[in-house]
Amino acid sequence: MKFVQIELALEELETLASALVRFKFEDDQAPEPYFGSPRLAAAHHRIVDSIILESE
């Protein structure tokens, strides 16, 4: 297994952790306040970019 290091800002980590917990346990709720969240989008882009870089 290969590990990838991804740098995320504290705000991105907090938003990502909160969103994951809510999505896991509140699947009957709308994805607010994360729908359209710039912090969640930034974290997602960094994660995807890191996966792409490691795959090349």
N, C-alpha and C. Protein backbone atom coordinates (compact mmCIF):
# COMPACT_ATOMS: atom_id res chain seq x y z
N MET A 1 0.85 -1.18 0.00
CA MET A 1 0.00 0.00 0.00
C MET A 1 0.89 1.24 0.00
N LYS A 2 0.57 2.16 -0.88
CA LYS A 2 1.32 3.41 -0.96
C LYS A 2 0.52 4.52 -0.30
N PHE A 3 1.18 5.31 0.53
CA PHE A 3 0.53 6.43 1.20
C PHE A 3 0.85 7.73 0.47
N VAL A 4 -0.15 8.60 0.40
CA VAL A 4 -0.01 9.89 -0.26
C VAL A 4 -0.19 10.97 0.79
N GLN A 5 0.71 11.93 0.80
CA GLN A 5 0.59 13.04 1.74
C GLN A 5 -0.10 14.20 1.05
N ILE A 6 -1.15 14.70 1.68
CA ILE A 6 -1.92 15.81 1.12
C ILE A 6 -1.95 16.92 2.16
N GLU A 7 -1.53 18.11 1.76
CA GLU A 7 -1.58 19.24 2.67
C GLU A 7 -2.93 19.93 2.55
N LEU A 8 -3.62 20.04 3.67
CA LEU A 8 -4.89 20.75 3.73
C LEU A 8 -4.83 21.77 4.84
N ALA A 9 -5.49 22.89 4.63
CA ALA A 9 -5.58 23.92 5.67
C ALA A 9 -6.47 23.39 6.80
N LEU A 10 -6.27 23.90 7.98
CA LEU A 10 -7.07 23.47 9.13
C LEU A 10 -8.56 23.63 8.86
N GLU A 11 -8.95 24.73 8.24
CA GLU A 11 -10.37 24.96 7.94
C GLU A 11 -10.90 23.91 6.97
N GLU A 12 -10.08 23.51 6.00
CA GLU A 12 -10.48 22.47 5.05
C GLU A 12 -10.65 21.14 5.77
N LEU A 13 -9.72 20.82 6.67
CA LEU A 13 -9.81 19.57 7.42
C LEU A 13 -11.05 19.54 8.31
N GLU A 14 -11.33 20.64 8.99
CA GLU A 14 -12.50 20.70 9.85
C GLU A 14 -13.79 20.54 9.03
N THR A 15 -13.85 21.22 7.90
CA THR A 15 -15.02 21.13 7.04
C THR A 15 -15.18 19.73 6.48
N LEU A 16 -14.10 19.14 6.02
CA LEU A 16 -14.14 17.79 5.47
C LEU A 16 -14.56 16.77 6.53
N ALA A 17 -14.00 16.86 7.71
CA ALA A 17 -14.35 15.93 8.78
C ALA A 17 -15.82 16.07 9.17
N SER A 18 -16.28 17.28 9.30
CA SER A 18 -17.68 17.53 9.66
C SER A 18 -18.62 17.01 8.58
N ALA A 19 -18.28 17.27 7.33
CA ALA A 19 -19.13 16.82 6.21
C ALA A 19 -19.18 15.30 6.16
N LEU A 20 -18.05 14.64 6.34
CA LEU A 20 -18.04 13.18 6.30
C LEU A 20 -18.90 12.57 7.40
N VAL A 21 -18.82 13.12 8.60
CA VAL A 21 -19.64 12.61 9.69
C VAL A 21 -21.13 12.83 9.41
N ARG A 22 -21.47 14.02 8.93
CA ARG A 22 -22.88 14.30 8.63
C ARG A 22 -23.40 13.42 7.51
N PHE A 23 -22.60 13.25 6.46
CA PHE A 23 -23.03 12.41 5.34
C PHE A 23 -23.17 10.95 5.77
N LYS A 24 -22.34 10.52 6.71
CA LYS A 24 -22.39 9.13 7.17
C LYS A 24 -23.63 8.88 8.03
N PHE A 25 -23.96 9.80 8.91
CA PHE A 25 -25.01 9.54 9.89
C PHE A 25 -26.32 10.27 9.61
N GLU A 26 -26.33 11.21 8.69
CA GLU A 26 -27.56 11.95 8.42
C GLU A 26 -27.90 11.87 6.94
N ASP A 27 -27.99 10.63 6.43
CA ASP A 27 -28.20 10.47 4.99
C ASP A 27 -29.59 10.90 4.53
N ASP A 28 -30.51 11.17 5.45
CA ASP A 28 -31.84 11.62 5.05
C ASP A 28 -31.94 13.15 5.00
N GLN A 29 -30.85 13.82 5.34
CA GLN A 29 -30.82 15.28 5.35
C GLN A 29 -30.17 15.81 4.07
N ALA A 30 -30.54 17.01 3.70
CA ALA A 30 -29.89 17.68 2.57
C ALA A 30 -28.43 17.98 2.93
N PRO A 31 -27.54 18.04 1.95
CA PRO A 31 -26.11 18.22 2.25
C PRO A 31 -25.72 19.63 2.66
N GLU A 32 -26.65 20.41 3.17
CA GLU A 32 -26.32 21.75 3.65
C GLU A 32 -25.57 21.62 4.97
N PRO A 33 -24.66 22.45 5.32
CA PRO A 33 -24.18 23.66 4.63
C PRO A 33 -23.04 23.38 3.66
N TYR A 34 -22.85 22.12 3.27
CA TYR A 34 -21.69 21.76 2.46
C TYR A 34 -21.91 21.89 0.96
N PHE A 35 -23.17 21.90 0.54
CA PHE A 35 -23.45 22.06 -0.88
C PHE A 35 -22.98 23.44 -1.31
N GLY A 36 -21.99 23.49 -2.18
CA GLY A 36 -21.44 24.77 -2.62
C GLY A 36 -20.39 25.35 -1.69
N SER A 37 -19.94 24.59 -0.70
CA SER A 37 -18.95 25.09 0.26
C SER A 37 -17.58 25.26 -0.41
N PRO A 38 -17.03 26.47 -0.37
CA PRO A 38 -15.70 26.67 -0.96
C PRO A 38 -14.61 25.88 -0.23
N ARG A 39 -14.76 25.73 1.07
CA ARG A 39 -13.75 24.96 1.84
C ARG A 39 -13.79 23.50 1.45
N LEU A 40 -14.97 22.93 1.33
CA LEU A 40 -15.09 21.53 0.95
C LEU A 40 -14.60 21.34 -0.49
N ALA A 41 -14.93 22.27 -1.36
CA ALA A 41 -14.48 22.19 -2.75
C ALA A 41 -12.95 22.25 -2.83
N ALA A 42 -12.34 23.13 -2.06
CA ALA A 42 -10.88 23.26 -2.07
C ALA A 42 -10.23 21.98 -1.56
N ALA A 43 -10.76 21.41 -0.49
CA ALA A 43 -10.22 20.16 0.04
C ALA A 43 -10.37 19.04 -0.99
N HIS A 44 -11.53 18.97 -1.61
CA HIS A 44 -11.78 17.95 -2.63
C HIS A 44 -10.80 18.08 -3.79
N HIS A 45 -10.59 19.30 -4.26
CA HIS A 45 -9.66 19.50 -5.37
C HIS A 45 -8.24 19.09 -5.00
N ARG A 46 -7.82 19.41 -3.80
CA ARG A 46 -6.47 19.01 -3.37
C ARG A 46 -6.33 17.50 -3.31
N ILE A 47 -7.37 16.83 -2.81
CA ILE A 47 -7.34 15.37 -2.74
C ILE A 47 -7.29 14.78 -4.14
N VAL A 48 -8.15 15.24 -5.03
CA VAL A 48 -8.17 14.72 -6.40
C VAL A 48 -6.84 15.01 -7.11
N ASP A 49 -6.32 16.21 -6.97
CA ASP A 49 -5.04 16.55 -7.58
C ASP A 49 -3.91 15.65 -7.08
N SER A 50 -3.92 15.34 -5.79
CA SER A 50 -2.90 14.46 -5.22
C SER A 50 -3.02 13.06 -5.78
N ILE A 51 -4.24 12.58 -5.94
CA ILE A 51 -4.45 11.24 -6.51
C ILE A 51 -3.95 11.21 -7.95
N ILE A 52 -4.25 12.24 -8.71
CA ILE A 52 -3.80 12.32 -10.11
C ILE A 52 -2.27 12.34 -10.18
N LEU A 53 -1.64 13.15 -9.35
CA LEU A 53 -0.18 13.24 -9.35
C LEU A 53 0.46 11.90 -9.03
N GLU A 54 -0.09 11.18 -8.07
CA GLU A 54 0.45 9.89 -7.68
C GLU A 54 0.21 8.83 -8.74
N SER A 55 -0.82 9.02 -9.55
CA SER A 55 -1.16 8.03 -10.57
C SER A 55 -0.33 8.18 -11.84
N GLU A 56 0.28 9.34 -12.01
CA GLU A 56 1.03 9.60 -13.24
C GLU A 56 2.35 8.87 -13.28
